[in-house]
C-alpha atoms as a PDB file:
ATOM      1  CA  MET A   1     282.606 209.283 233.173  1.00  0.00           C
ATOM      2  CA  GLN A   2     279.914 208.517 235.703  1.00  0.00           C
ATOM      3  CA  ARG A   3     277.437 207.672 233.150  1.00  0.00           C
ATOM      4  CA  THR A   4     279.953 205.333 231.325  1.00  0.00           C
ATOM      5  CA  GLU A   5     280.514 203.628 234.588  1.00  0.00           C
ATOM      6  CA  SER A   6     276.787 203.233 235.427  1.00  0.00           C
ATOM      7  CA  LEU A   7     276.256 201.872 231.927  1.00  0.00           C
ATOM      8  CA  ALA A   8     278.972 199.382 232.321  1.00  0.00           C
ATOM      9  CA  GLN A   9     277.637 198.110 235.662  1.00  0.00           C
ATOM     10  CA  GLU A  10     274.116 197.738 234.066  1.00  0.00           C
ATOM     11  CA  VAL A  11     275.058 195.978 230.647  1.00  0.00           C
ATOM     12  CA  GLU A  12     278.492 194.560 230.983  1.00  0.00           C
ATOM     13  CA  PRO A  13     277.192 191.252 232.576  1.00  0.00           C
ATOM     14  CA  VAL A  14     274.647 190.883 229.697  1.00  0.00           C
ATOM     15  CA  ILE A  15     277.154 191.346 227.021  1.00  0.00           C
ATOM     16  CA  ARG A  16     279.598 189.073 228.549  1.00  0.00           C
ATOM     17  CA  GLY A  17     277.133 186.302 229.134  1.00  0.00           C
ATOM     18  CA  ILE A  18     275.921 186.287 225.647  1.00  0.00           C
ATOM     19  CA  ILE A  19     279.393 186.192 224.212  1.00  0.00           C
ATOM     20  CA  ARG A  20     280.512 183.495 226.472  1.00  0.00           C
ATOM     21  CA  ARG A  21     277.453 181.389 225.629  1.00  0.00           C
ATOM     22  CA  LYS A  22     277.642 181.780 221.857  1.00  0.00           C
ATOM     23  CA  LEU A  23     281.299 181.511 221.382  1.00  0.00           C
ATOM     24  CA  ARG A  24     281.882 179.186 224.378  1.00  0.00           C
ATOM     25  CA  VAL A  25     284.709 181.129 225.780  1.00  0.00           C
ATOM     26  CA  THR A  26     285.622 182.337 229.121  1.00  0.00           C
ATOM     27  CA  LEU A  27     286.534 186.050 228.536  1.00  0.00           C
ATOM     28  CA  ASP A  28     289.275 185.734 230.946  1.00  0.00           C
ATOM     29  CA  PRO A  29     292.252 187.671 229.682  1.00  0.00           C
ATOM     30  CA  ALA A  30     294.578 185.046 230.905  1.00  0.00           C
ATOM     31  CA  ASP A  31     293.015 182.420 228.617  1.00  0.00           C
ATOM     32  CA  GLY A  32     295.282 182.405 225.687  1.00  0.00           C
ATOM     33  CA  ARG A  33     293.159 180.290 223.417  1.00  0.00           C
ATOM     34  CA  ARG A  34     292.458 182.051 220.021  1.00  0.00           C
ATOM     35  CA  GLU A  35     288.711 181.776 220.191  1.00  0.00           C
ATOM     36  CA  ASN A  36     288.825 183.451 223.641  1.00  0.00           C
ATOM     37  CA  GLN A  37     291.075 186.389 222.514  1.00  0.00           C
ATOM     38  CA  ASN A  38     288.692 186.871 219.612  1.00  0.00           C
ATOM     39  CA  GLY A  39     285.799 186.960 222.136  1.00  0.00           C
ATOM     40  CA  LEU A  40     287.658 189.635 224.115  1.00  0.00           C
ATOM     41  CA  GLU A  41     288.023 191.624 220.984  1.00  0.00           C
ATOM     42  CA  LEU A  42     284.338 191.215 220.091  1.00  0.00           C
ATOM     43  CA  PHE A  43     283.392 192.456 223.583  1.00  0.00           C
ATOM     44  CA  GLY A  44     285.324 195.498 223.038  1.00  0.00           C
ATOM     45  CA  ASP A  45     283.674 196.061 219.647  1.00  0.00           C
ATOM     46  CA  VAL A  46     280.481 195.750 221.169  1.00  0.00           C
ATOM     47  CA  TRP A  47     281.019 197.921 223.945  1.00  0.00           C
ATOM     48  CA  VAL A  48     282.244 200.737 221.732  1.00  0.00           C
ATOM     49  CA  LYS A  49     278.974 200.133 219.509  1.00  0.00           C
ATOM     50  CA  LEU A  50     276.797 200.448 222.451  1.00  0.00           C
ATOM     51  CA  LEU A  51     278.501 203.782 223.488  1.00  0.00           C
ATOM     52  CA  GLN A  52     277.837 205.116 220.032  1.00  0.00           C
ATOM     53  CA  GLU A  53     274.192 203.946 219.925  1.00  0.00           C
ATOM     54  CA  THR A  54     273.267 205.088 223.340  1.00  0.00           C
ATOM     55  CA  GLY A  55     274.919 208.565 223.072  1.00  0.00           C
ATOM     56  CA  ALA A  56     271.529 210.311 222.514  1.00  0.00           C
ATOM     57  CA  ASP A  57     269.955 208.667 225.655  1.00  0.00           C
ATOM     58  CA  ALA A  58     266.937 207.597 223.532  1.00  0.00           C
ATOM     59  CA  ILE A  59     266.882 204.057 224.904  1.00  0.00           C
ATOM     60  CA  ARG A  60     265.235 203.281 228.051  1.00  0.00           C
ATOM     61  CA  ASN A  61     265.729 199.519 228.205  1.00  0.00           C
ATOM     62  CA  VAL A  62     269.537 199.498 227.731  1.00  0.00           C
ATOM     63  CA  ARG A  63     269.996 196.026 228.847  1.00  0.00           C
ATOM     64  CA  SER A  64     267.693 194.775 225.993  1.00  0.00           C
ATOM     65  CA  TYR A  65     269.262 196.907 223.467  1.00  0.00           C
ATOM     66  CA  ALA A  66     272.878 195.629 224.563  1.00  0.00           C
ATOM     67  CA  ALA A  67     271.543 192.243 224.048  1.00  0.00           C
ATOM     68  CA  VAL A  68     270.551 192.871 220.565  1.00  0.00           C
ATOM     69  CA  ILE A  69     273.892 194.406 219.771  1.00  0.00           C
ATOM     70  CA  ALA A  70     275.856 191.488 221.359  1.00  0.00           C
ATOM     71  CA  TYR A  71     273.702 188.852 219.602  1.00  0.00           C
ATOM     72  CA  HIS A  72     274.251 190.740 216.249  1.00  0.00           C
ATOM     73  CA  ALA A  73     277.993 190.909 216.761  1.00  0.00           C
ATOM     74  CA  CYS A  74     278.160 187.169 217.421  1.00  0.00           C
ATOM     75  CA  SER A  75     276.192 186.522 214.271  1.00  0.00           C
ATOM     76  CA  GLU A  76     278.529 188.781 212.209  1.00  0.00           C
ATOM     77  CA  TYR A  77     281.561 187.198 213.745  1.00  0.00           C
ATOM     78  CA  PHE A  78     280.320 183.563 212.731  1.00  0.00           C
ATOM     79  CA  ARG A  79     279.527 184.870 209.229  1.00  0.00           C
ATOM     80  CA  GLU A  80     282.877 186.243 208.524  1.00  0.00           C
ATOM     81  CA  LYS A  81     284.912 183.468 210.138  1.00  0.00           C
ATOM     82  CA  TYR A  82     282.695 180.514 208.778  1.00  0.00           C
ATOM     83  CA  PRO A  83     280.884 181.439 205.648  1.00  0.00           C
ATOM     84  CA  ALA A  84     279.556 177.892 205.056  1.00  0.00           C
ATOM     85  CA  ARG A  85     278.269 177.711 208.528  1.00  0.00           C
ATOM     86  CA  SER A  86     276.461 180.880 207.968  1.00  0.00           C
ATOM     87  CA  SER A  87     274.970 179.881 204.775  1.00  0.00           C
ATOM     88  CA  LEU A  88     273.694 176.767 206.450  1.00  0.00           C
ATOM     89  CA  ARG A  89     272.241 178.926 209.166  1.00  0.00           C
ATOM     90  CA  ASN A  90     270.501 181.068 206.885  1.00  0.00           C
ATOM     91  CA  ARG A  91     268.991 178.045 205.052  1.00  0.00           C
ATOM     92  CA  VAL A  92     267.855 176.539 208.366  1.00  0.00           C
ATOM     93  CA  HIS A  93     266.353 179.733 209.521  1.00  0.00           C
ATOM     94  CA  TYR A  94     264.669 180.284 206.255  1.00  0.00           C
ATOM     95  CA  PHE A  95     263.109 176.755 206.023  1.00  0.00           C
ATOM     96  CA  LEU A  96     261.881 176.832 209.522  1.00  0.00           C
ATOM     97  CA  THR A  97     260.240 180.227 209.211  1.00  0.00           C
ATOM     98  CA  HIS A  98     258.623 179.516 205.880  1.00  0.00           C
ATOM     99  CA  HIS A  99     257.130 175.976 206.528  1.00  0.00           C
ATOM    100  CA  PRO A 100     253.792 175.898 208.463  1.00  0.00           C
ATOM    101  CA  GLU A 101     254.742 173.139 210.747  1.00  0.00           C
ATOM    102  CA  TYR A 102     258.000 174.764 212.071  1.00  0.00           C
ATOM    103  CA  ALA A 103     258.775 177.977 213.703  1.00  0.00           C
ATOM    104  CA  VAL A 104     261.661 180.135 215.160  1.00  0.00           C
ATOM    105  CA  TRP A 105     261.173 182.244 218.244  1.00  0.00           C
ATOM    106  CA  GLN A 106     263.139 183.725 221.166  1.00  0.00           C
ATOM    107  CA  SER A 107     263.712 181.751 224.440  1.00  0.00           C
ATOM    108  CA  ASP A 108     263.646 183.361 227.844  1.00  0.00           C
ATOM    109  CA  ASP A 109     267.483 183.666 227.600  1.00  0.00           C
ATOM    110  CA  GLY A 110     267.014 185.680 224.317  1.00  0.00           C
ATOM    111  CA  ASP A 111     268.470 182.894 222.127  1.00  0.00           C
ATOM    112  CA  LEU A 112     266.675 182.100 218.992  1.00  0.00           C
ATOM    113  CA  VAL A 113     265.221 178.504 218.981  1.00  0.00           C
ATOM    114  CA  GLY A 114     263.559 176.373 216.414  1.00  0.00           C
ATOM    115  CA  GLY A 115     261.058 173.542 216.551  1.00  0.00           C
ATOM    116  CA  PHE A 116     257.511 172.517 215.806  1.00  0.00           C
ATOM    117  CA  ALA A 117     255.374 175.398 215.587  1.00  0.00           C
ATOM    118  CA  PHE A 118     252.982 174.382 218.292  1.00  0.00           C
ATOM    119  CA  TRP A 119     255.866 174.250 220.785  1.00  0.00           C
ATOM    120  CA  ARG A 120     256.285 178.044 220.504  1.00  0.00           C
ATOM    121  CA  ASP A 121     253.443 178.834 222.994  1.00  0.00           C
ATOM    122  CA  GLN A 122     254.238 175.938 225.297  1.00  0.00           C
ATOM    123  CA  LYS A 123     257.398 177.296 226.857  1.00  0.00           C
ATOM    124  CA  ILE A 124     259.156 174.163 226.264  1.00  0.00           C
ATOM    125  CA  GLU A 125     262.892 174.214 227.380  1.00  0.00           C
ATOM    126  CA  PRO A 126     265.434 173.669 224.434  1.00  0.00           C
ATOM    127  CA  ALA A 127     267.024 170.470 224.161  1.00  0.00           C
ATOM    128  CA  ALA A 128     270.465 169.855 225.840  1.00  0.00           C
ATOM    129  CA  ALA A 129     273.596 170.021 223.913  1.00  0.00           C
ATOM    130  CA  GLU A 130     274.295 166.370 224.575  1.00  0.00           C
ATOM    131  CA  LYS A 131     271.020 165.278 222.892  1.00  0.00           C
ATOM    132  CA  LEU A 132     272.110 167.317 219.676  1.00  0.00           C
ATOM    133  CA  SER A 133     275.408 165.667 219.546  1.00  0.00           C
ATOM    134  CA  ASP A 134     273.893 162.194 219.514  1.00  0.00           C
ATOM    135  CA  LEU A 135     271.868 162.929 216.142  1.00  0.00           C
ATOM    136  CA  ALA A 136     272.537 160.187 213.448  1.00  0.00           C
ATOM    137  CA  PRO A 137     272.011 160.875 209.684  1.00  0.00           C
ATOM    138  CA  GLY A 138     268.818 159.566 208.135  1.00  0.00           C
ATOM    139  CA  ALA A 139     267.719 158.985 204.692  1.00  0.00           C
ATOM    140  CA  SER A 140     266.649 162.546 204.200  1.00  0.00           C
ATOM    141  CA  ALA A 141     270.342 163.883 204.944  1.00  0.00           C
ATOM    142  CA  LYS A 142     272.184 164.664 201.809  1.00  0.00           C
ATOM    143  CA  PRO A 143     274.868 167.289 200.796  1.00  0.00           C
ATOM    144  CA  VAL A 144     273.342 170.560 201.377  1.00  0.00           C
ATOM    145  CA  GLU A 145     273.260 171.707 197.805  1.00  0.00           C
ATOM    146  CA  ARG A 146     271.194 168.664 196.944  1.00  0.00           C
ATOM    147  CA  MET A 147     268.646 169.274 199.746  1.00  0.00           C
ATOM    148  CA  ALA A 148     265.153 169.837 198.387  1.00  0.00           C
ATOM    149  CA  SER A 149     262.291 171.232 200.591  1.00  0.00           C
ATOM    150  CA  LYS A 150     260.966 167.579 201.236  1.00  0.00           C
ATOM    151  CA  ASP A 151     264.325 166.758 202.339  1.00  0.00           C
ATOM    152  CA  TRP A 152     264.555 169.597 204.885  1.00  0.00           C
ATOM    153  CA  ASP A 153     261.029 168.706 206.139  1.00  0.00           C
ATOM    154  CA  ALA A 154     261.993 164.947 206.594  1.00  0.00           C
ATOM    155  CA  LEU A 155     265.349 165.849 208.398  1.00  0.00           C
ATOM    156  CA  PHE A 156     263.725 168.496 210.783  1.00  0.00           C
ATOM    157  CA  ASP A 157     260.681 166.156 211.458  1.00  0.00           C
ATOM    158  CA  SER A 158     263.197 163.328 212.407  1.00  0.00           C
ATOM    159  CA  VAL A 159     265.382 165.681 214.500  1.00  0.00           C
ATOM    160  CA  PHE A 160     262.609 167.303 216.469  1.00  0.00           C
ATOM    161  CA  GLU A 161     260.781 163.830 216.935  1.00  0.00           C
ATOM    162  CA  THR A 162     264.164 162.596 218.339  1.00  0.00           C
ATOM    163  CA  LEU A 163     264.725 165.517 220.526  1.00  0.00           C
ATOM    164  CA  ALA A 164     261.092 165.716 221.697  1.00  0.00           C
ATOM    165  CA  ALA A 165     261.994 169.479 222.202  1.00  0.00           C
ATOM    166  CA  PRO A 166     263.042 172.609 220.399  1.00  0.00           C
ATOM    167  CA  ALA A 167     266.666 173.351 219.794  1.00  0.00           C
ATOM    168  CA  GLU A 168     268.751 176.517 220.157  1.00  0.00           C
ATOM    169  CA  LEU A 169     269.356 177.603 216.607  1.00  0.00           C
ATOM    170  CA  ASP A 170     272.967 177.798 216.531  1.00  0.00           C
ATOM    171  CA  ALA A 171     273.455 174.537 218.256  1.00  0.00           C
ATOM    172  CA  LEU A 172     271.085 173.015 215.899  1.00  0.00           C
ATOM    173  CA  VAL A 173     273.107 174.174 212.886  1.00  0.00           C
ATOM    174  CA  ASN A 174     276.201 172.607 214.468  1.00  0.00           C
ATOM    175  CA  ALA A 175     274.509 169.394 214.983  1.00  0.00           C
ATOM    176  CA  ILE A 176     273.247 169.025 211.504  1.00  0.00           C
ATOM    177  CA  ALA A 177     276.270 170.362 209.691  1.00  0.00           C
ATOM    178  CA  PRO A 178     277.999 166.890 209.694  1.00  0.00           C
ATOM    179  CA  LEU A 179     274.722 165.399 208.223  1.00  0.00           C
ATOM    180  CA  VAL A 180     274.815 167.725 205.258  1.00  0.00           C
ATOM    181  CA  GLY A 181     278.432 168.183 204.607  1.00  0.00           C
ATOM    182  CA  SER A 182     278.729 171.775 205.631  1.00  0.00           C
ATOM    183  CA  VAL A 183     282.589 171.552 206.290  1.00  0.00           C
ATOM    184  CA  ASP A 184     283.372 174.660 208.178  1.00  0.00           C
ATOM    185  CA  ALA A 185     280.432 174.521 210.277  1.00  0.00           C
ATOM    186  CA  VAL A 186     281.955 171.358 211.664  1.00  0.00           C
ATOM    187  CA  GLU A 187     285.179 173.064 211.959  1.00  0.00           C
ATOM    188  CA  ALA A 188     283.509 175.882 213.876  1.00  0.00           C
ATOM    189  CA  GLY A 189     282.527 173.378 216.641  1.00  0.00           C
ATOM    190  CA  LYS A 190     285.807 171.824 216.688  1.00  0.00           C
ATOM    191  CA  LYS A 191     287.905 174.979 216.946  1.00  0.00           C
ATOM    192  CA  ARG A 192     285.777 175.965 219.913  1.00  0.00           C
ATOM    193  CA  GLU A 193     287.442 173.043 221.855  1.00  0.00           C
ATOM    194  CA  ASP A 194     290.888 173.430 220.507  1.00  0.00           C
ATOM    195  CA  GLU A 195     293.421 173.889 223.029  1.00  0.00           C
ATOM    196  CA  GLY A 196     296.472 173.306 220.897  1.00  0.00           C
ATOM    197  CA  GLY A 197     298.775 175.167 218.351  1.00  0.00           C
ATOM    198  CA  ARG A 198     297.938 178.042 216.234  1.00  0.00           C
ATOM    199  CA  ASP A 199     297.583 178.133 212.580  1.00  0.00           C
ATOM    200  CA  ALA A 200     300.053 180.929 211.261  1.00  0.00           C
ATOM    201  CA  ILE A 201     298.383 181.361 207.918  1.00  0.00           C
ATOM    202  CA  VAL A 202     294.829 181.613 209.591  1.00  0.00           C
ATOM    203  CA  ASP A 203     296.159 184.096 212.199  1.00  0.00           C
ATOM    204  CA  THR A 204     297.881 186.196 209.700  1.00  0.00           C
ATOM    205  CA  PRO A 205     295.517 189.253 209.299  1.00  0.00           C
ATOM    206  CA  SER A 206     294.387 189.964 205.630  1.00  0.00           C
ATOM    207  CA  PRO A 207     295.518 193.213 204.383  1.00  0.00           C
ATOM    208  CA  ASP A 208     293.000 195.893 204.724  1.00  0.00           C
ATOM    209  CA  PRO A 209     291.860 197.806 201.537  1.00  0.00           C
ATOM    210  CA  GLN A 210     293.816 200.754 200.874  1.00  0.00           C
ATOM    211  CA  SER A 211     292.584 203.920 202.541  1.00  0.00           C
ATOM    212  CA  ASP A 212     291.296 205.501 199.153  1.00  0.00           C
ATOM    213  CA  VAL A 213     289.297 202.344 198.489  1.00  0.00           C
ATOM    214  CA  LYS A 214     287.814 202.408 202.047  1.00  0.00           C
ATOM    215  CA  LEU A 215     286.870 206.002 201.547  1.00  0.00           C
ATOM    216  CA  ARG A 216     285.198 205.308 198.236  1.00  0.00           C
ATOM    217  CA  ILE A 217     283.035 202.635 199.792  1.00  0.00           C
ATOM    218  CA  ARG A 218     282.081 204.758 202.585  1.00  0.00           C
ATOM    219  CA  MET A 219     281.207 207.617 200.153  1.00  0.00           C
ATOM    220  CA  GLN A 220     279.068 205.250 198.038  1.00  0.00           C
ATOM    221  CA  LEU A 221     277.353 203.692 201.137  1.00  0.00           C
ATOM    222  CA  GLN A 222     276.637 207.344 202.294  1.00  0.00           C
ATOM    223  CA  ARG A 223     275.096 208.276 198.949  1.00  0.00           C
ATOM    224  CA  LEU A 224     273.142 205.061 198.921  1.00  0.00           C
ATOM    225  CA  TRP A 225     271.599 205.968 202.283  1.00  0.00           C
ATOM    226  CA  ILE A 226     270.737 209.277 201.298  1.00  0.00           C
ATOM    227  CA  GLU A 227     269.055 207.914 198.107  1.00  0.00           C
ATOM    228  CA  ILE A 228     267.183 205.312 200.282  1.00  0.00           C
ATOM    229  CA  LEU A 229     265.684 208.194 202.254  1.00  0.00           C
ATOM    230  CA  GLN A 230     264.405 209.676 199.126  1.00  0.00           C
ATOM    231  CA  LEU A 231     262.334 206.665 198.395  1.00  0.00           C
ATOM    232  CA  LEU A 232     258.621 206.736 198.727  1.00  0.00           C
ATOM    233  CA  PRO A 233     257.790 205.363 202.265  1.00  0.00           C
ATOM    234  CA  ARG A 234     256.272 202.102 201.045  1.00  0.00           C
ATOM    235  CA  GLN A 235     259.291 201.435 198.580  1.00  0.00           C
ATOM    236  CA  ARG A 236     261.620 202.076 201.581  1.00  0.00           C
ATOM    237  CA  PHE A 237     259.642 199.726 203.774  1.00  0.00           C
ATOM    238  CA  ALA A 238     259.811 196.880 201.281  1.00  0.00           C
ATOM    239  CA  TYR A 239     263.356 197.507 200.380  1.00  0.00           C
ATOM    240  CA  LEU A 240     264.870 197.723 203.795  1.00  0.00           C
ATOM    241  CA  LEU A 241     262.918 195.042 205.454  1.00  0.00           C
ATOM    242  CA  ASN A 242     263.996 192.509 202.855  1.00  0.00           C
ATOM    243  CA  PRO A 243     266.788 193.710 200.706  1.00  0.00           C
ATOM    244  CA  THR A 244     267.234 190.741 198.319  1.00  0.00           C
ATOM    245  CA  ASP A 245     270.187 192.351 196.551  1.00  0.00           C
ATOM    246  CA  GLY A 246     272.285 192.949 199.663  1.00  0.00           C
ATOM    247  CA  GLU A 247     272.249 193.201 203.647  1.00  0.00           C
ATOM    248  CA  ILE A 248     271.043 195.897 205.742  1.00  0.00           C
ATOM    249  CA  GLU A 249     273.878 195.357 208.115  1.00  0.00           C
ATOM    250  CA  VAL A 250     276.361 197.131 205.784  1.00  0.00           C
ATOM    251  CA  PHE A 251     275.305 200.493 206.801  1.00  0.00           C
ATOM    252  CA  PRO A 252     275.831 200.085 210.871  1.00  0.00           C
ATOM    253  CA  HIS A 253     278.829 197.989 210.010  1.00  0.00           C
ATOM    254  CA  ASN A 254     280.613 200.761 208.087  1.00  0.00           C
ATOM    255  CA  GLY A 255     279.399 203.555 210.390  1.00  0.00           C
ATOM    256  CA  ILE A 256     276.984 204.999 208.003  1.00  0.00           C
ATOM    257  CA  VAL A 257     273.984 204.937 210.179  1.00  0.00           C
ATOM    258  CA  GLY A 258     273.057 203.030 213.249  1.00  0.00           C
ATOM    259  CA  ILE A 259     270.169 200.666 214.088  1.00  0.00           C
ATOM    260  CA  ILE A 260     268.267 203.331 215.697  1.00  0.00           C
ATOM    261  CA  GLU A 261     268.371 205.765 212.466  1.00  0.00           C
ATOM    262  CA  ILE A 262     267.406 202.853 210.109  1.00  0.00           C
ATOM    263  CA  GLY A 263     264.508 201.946 212.360  1.00  0.00           C
ATOM    264  CA  ARG A 264     263.239 205.510 212.494  1.00  0.00           C
ATOM    265  CA  SER A 265     263.519 205.653 208.806  1.00  0.00           C
ATOM    266  CA  LEU A 266     260.833 202.878 208.483  1.00  0.00           C
ATOM    267  CA  ALA A 267     258.165 204.728 210.617  1.00  0.00           C
ATOM    268  CA  ILE A 268     256.743 201.482 211.704  1.00  0.00           C
ATOM    269  CA  SER A 269     253.346 202.209 213.307  1.00  0.00           C
ATOM    270  CA  LYS A 270     252.062 200.753 216.662  1.00  0.00           C
ATOM    271  CA  GLU A 271     249.732 198.570 214.776  1.00  0.00           C
ATOM    272  CA  GLN A 272     252.455 197.199 212.554  1.00  0.00           C
ATOM    273  CA  PHE A 273     254.627 196.546 215.644  1.00  0.00           C
ATOM    274  CA  GLU A 274     251.750 194.695 217.296  1.00  0.00           C
ATOM    275  CA  LEU A 275     251.398 192.374 214.282  1.00  0.00           C
ATOM    276  CA  LEU A 276     255.164 191.775 214.101  1.00  0.00           C
ATOM    277  CA  SER A 277     255.176 191.091 217.852  1.00  0.00           C
ATOM    278  CA  LYS A 278     252.492 188.567 217.419  1.00  0.00           C
ATOM    279  CA  GLU A 279     253.962 186.803 214.342  1.00  0.00           C
ATOM    280  CA  LEU A 280     257.654 186.843 215.446  1.00  0.00           C
ATOM    281  CA  ALA A 281     257.137 186.192 219.220  1.00  0.00           C
ATOM    282  CA  LEU A 282     258.816 189.585 219.998  1.00  0.00           C
ATOM    283  CA  GLU A 283     259.028 190.514 223.551  1.00  0.00           C
ATOM    284  CA  GLY A 284     260.106 193.631 225.480  1.00  0.00           C
ATOM    285  CA  GLY A 285     260.476 197.083 224.371  1.00  0.00           C
ATOM    286  CA  SER A 286     258.447 200.048 225.639  1.00  0.00           C
ATOM    287  CA  THR A 287     259.835 202.719 223.182  1.00  0.00           C
ATOM    288  CA  TYR A 288     260.030 202.698 219.271  1.00  0.00           C
ATOM    289  CA  ASP A 289     263.735 202.282 219.284  1.00  0.00           C
ATOM    290  CA  GLU A 290     263.647 199.448 221.820  1.00  0.00           C
ATOM    291  CA  ARG A 291     260.931 197.542 219.654  1.00  0.00           C
ATOM    292  CA  PHE A 292     263.000 197.961 216.513  1.00  0.00           C
ATOM    293  CA  ALA A 293     266.078 196.700 218.243  1.00  0.00           C
ATOM    294  CA  MET A 294     264.048 193.582 219.006  1.00  0.00           C
ATOM    295  CA  LEU A 295     262.946 193.438 215.383  1.00  0.00           C
ATOM    296  CA  TRP A 296     266.521 193.882 214.160  1.00  0.00           C
ATOM    297  CA  ASN A 297     267.866 190.373 214.783  1.00  0.00           C
ATOM    298  CA  ARG A 298     264.888 188.843 212.873  1.00  0.00           C
ATOM    299  CA  LEU A 299     265.456 190.588 209.560  1.00  0.00           C
ATOM    300  CA  PRO A 300     265.022 190.120 206.745  1.00  0.00           C
ATOM    301  CA  LEU A 301     261.434 189.543 206.998  1.00  0.00           C
ATOM    302  CA  ASN A 302     259.501 187.438 204.171  1.00  0.00           C
ATOM    303  CA  ASP A 303     257.349 189.099 201.692  1.00  0.00           C
ATOM    304  CA  LYS A 304     254.208 187.549 203.009  1.00  0.00           C
ATOM    305  CA  LEU A 305     254.613 189.264 206.306  1.00  0.00           C
ATOM    306  CA  ILE A 306     255.788 192.656 204.596  1.00  0.00           C
ATOM    307  CA  ALA A 307     252.615 192.425 202.588  1.00  0.00           C
ATOM    308  CA  ARG A 308     250.371 192.012 205.792  1.00  0.00           C
ATOM    309  CA  LEU A 309     252.196 194.897 207.289  1.00  0.00           C
ATOM    310  CA  LEU A 310     251.494 197.162 204.330  1.00  0.00           C
ATOM    311  CA  ALA A 311     248.092 195.792 203.620  1.00  0.00           C
ATOM    312  CA  ALA A 312     249.222 194.711 200.176  1.00  0.00           C
ATOM    313  CA  THR A 313     249.818 191.367 198.330  1.00  0.00           C
ATOM    314  CA  PRO A 314     253.283 189.654 198.158  1.00  0.00           C
ATOM    315  CA  GLN A 315     253.412 190.614 194.537  1.00  0.00           C
ATOM    316  CA  GLN A 316     252.811 194.105 195.196  1.00  0.00           C
ATOM    317  CA  VAL A 317     255.718 194.058 197.814  1.00  0.00           C
ATOM    318  CA  ILE A 318     257.916 192.568 195.114  1.00  0.00           C
ATOM    319  CA  ASN A 319     256.979 195.426 192.787  1.00  0.00           C
ATOM    320  CA  LEU A 320     257.651 198.021 195.407  1.00  0.00           C
ATOM    321  CA  ARG A 321     261.205 196.755 195.898  1.00  0.00           C
ATOM    322  CA  LYS A 322     261.826 196.281 192.248  1.00  0.00           C
ATOM    323  CA  VAL A 323     260.865 200.031 191.731  1.00  0.00           C
ATOM    324  CA  ALA A 324     263.069 200.942 194.768  1.00  0.00           C
ATOM    325  CA  ARG A 325     265.974 198.938 193.461  1.00  0.00           C
ATOM    326  CA  GLU A 326     265.722 200.362 189.825  1.00  0.00           C
ATOM    327  CA  ARG A 327     265.632 203.953 191.119  1.00  0.00           C
ATOM    328  CA  LEU A 328     268.531 203.365 193.523  1.00  0.00           C
ATOM    329  CA  GLY A 329     270.525 201.808 190.550  1.00  0.00           C
ATOM    330  CA  ARG A 330     269.919 204.767 188.423  1.00  0.00           C
ATOM    331  CA  GLN A 331     270.986 207.265 191.061  1.00  0.00           C
ATOM    332  CA  MET A 332     274.122 205.208 192.031  1.00  0.00           C
ATOM    333  CA  LYS A 333     275.072 205.063 188.390  1.00  0.00           C
ATOM    334  CA  HIS A 334     275.247 208.712 188.153  1.00  0.00           C
ATOM    335  CA  PHE A 335     277.315 208.867 191.512  1.00  0.00           C
ATOM    336  CA  ARG A 336     279.871 206.422 190.236  1.00  0.00           C
END
């Protein structure tokens, strides 16, 4: 009990601050708005997850680790509630991290921000939300499904030239959503300000899968994790750091293994962490588990970076993952 109370005093302000900022809620139990009540539930989920992950006392910087879990929980919340917004965010993140003129890094507050690559080392404050709300569509703005690489380049060049500063990634997504026609991303912003009536259909909880279906899914995931551990180290490395046929979050989300166990299965070397810290601007973390926790929010990695970590070529990384996927497919076929 004493340990739990001490942990609460240390990390509760961190978790509350992140959820308040990301969901734009008060976390006051008396605040009856739907988004705020969802935020309170999310806080409870993060707290339970943190207690599970820190049970072994393996984490020294628990505040940093709590922040990682809270950011991840917020991302998962938006992904489930606003799928088009999540898809748009993934597109934005992918483009900014795969174009040489742009970059994504962590601000001093721990938020992901994007902008011109040369801003990353200049410690420029992200643009205010009011400036983002004033963005006007340009000739490069098209429906998102019709946006080519040159269109994204022109759009972000115009956006960052106008802002003259980087932008917090989630705020950037909300700002460009109306420009590229991502409907539920626009709705995500509107609902945060909604003080009015409730939507009975939206509020109706969707039926959970039957218990035997849930059990079957968990058994399959448990078996899959066992098979992943049987992969050769380089295959496992290529597969887990960029699982192109799924999402690594499925394991902690379903209680199969936690972030710590996933990180330890990769056996990332000190030299590899140093390269990751340099390339991804990761900060903090004195132990292996803490450093991987910082990396967690940046997954998946692109194959070029994985190739550098493995002293291989991007094509060799693709081949390693292909072999891993084929082996897992054969093993899981027998299990089904």
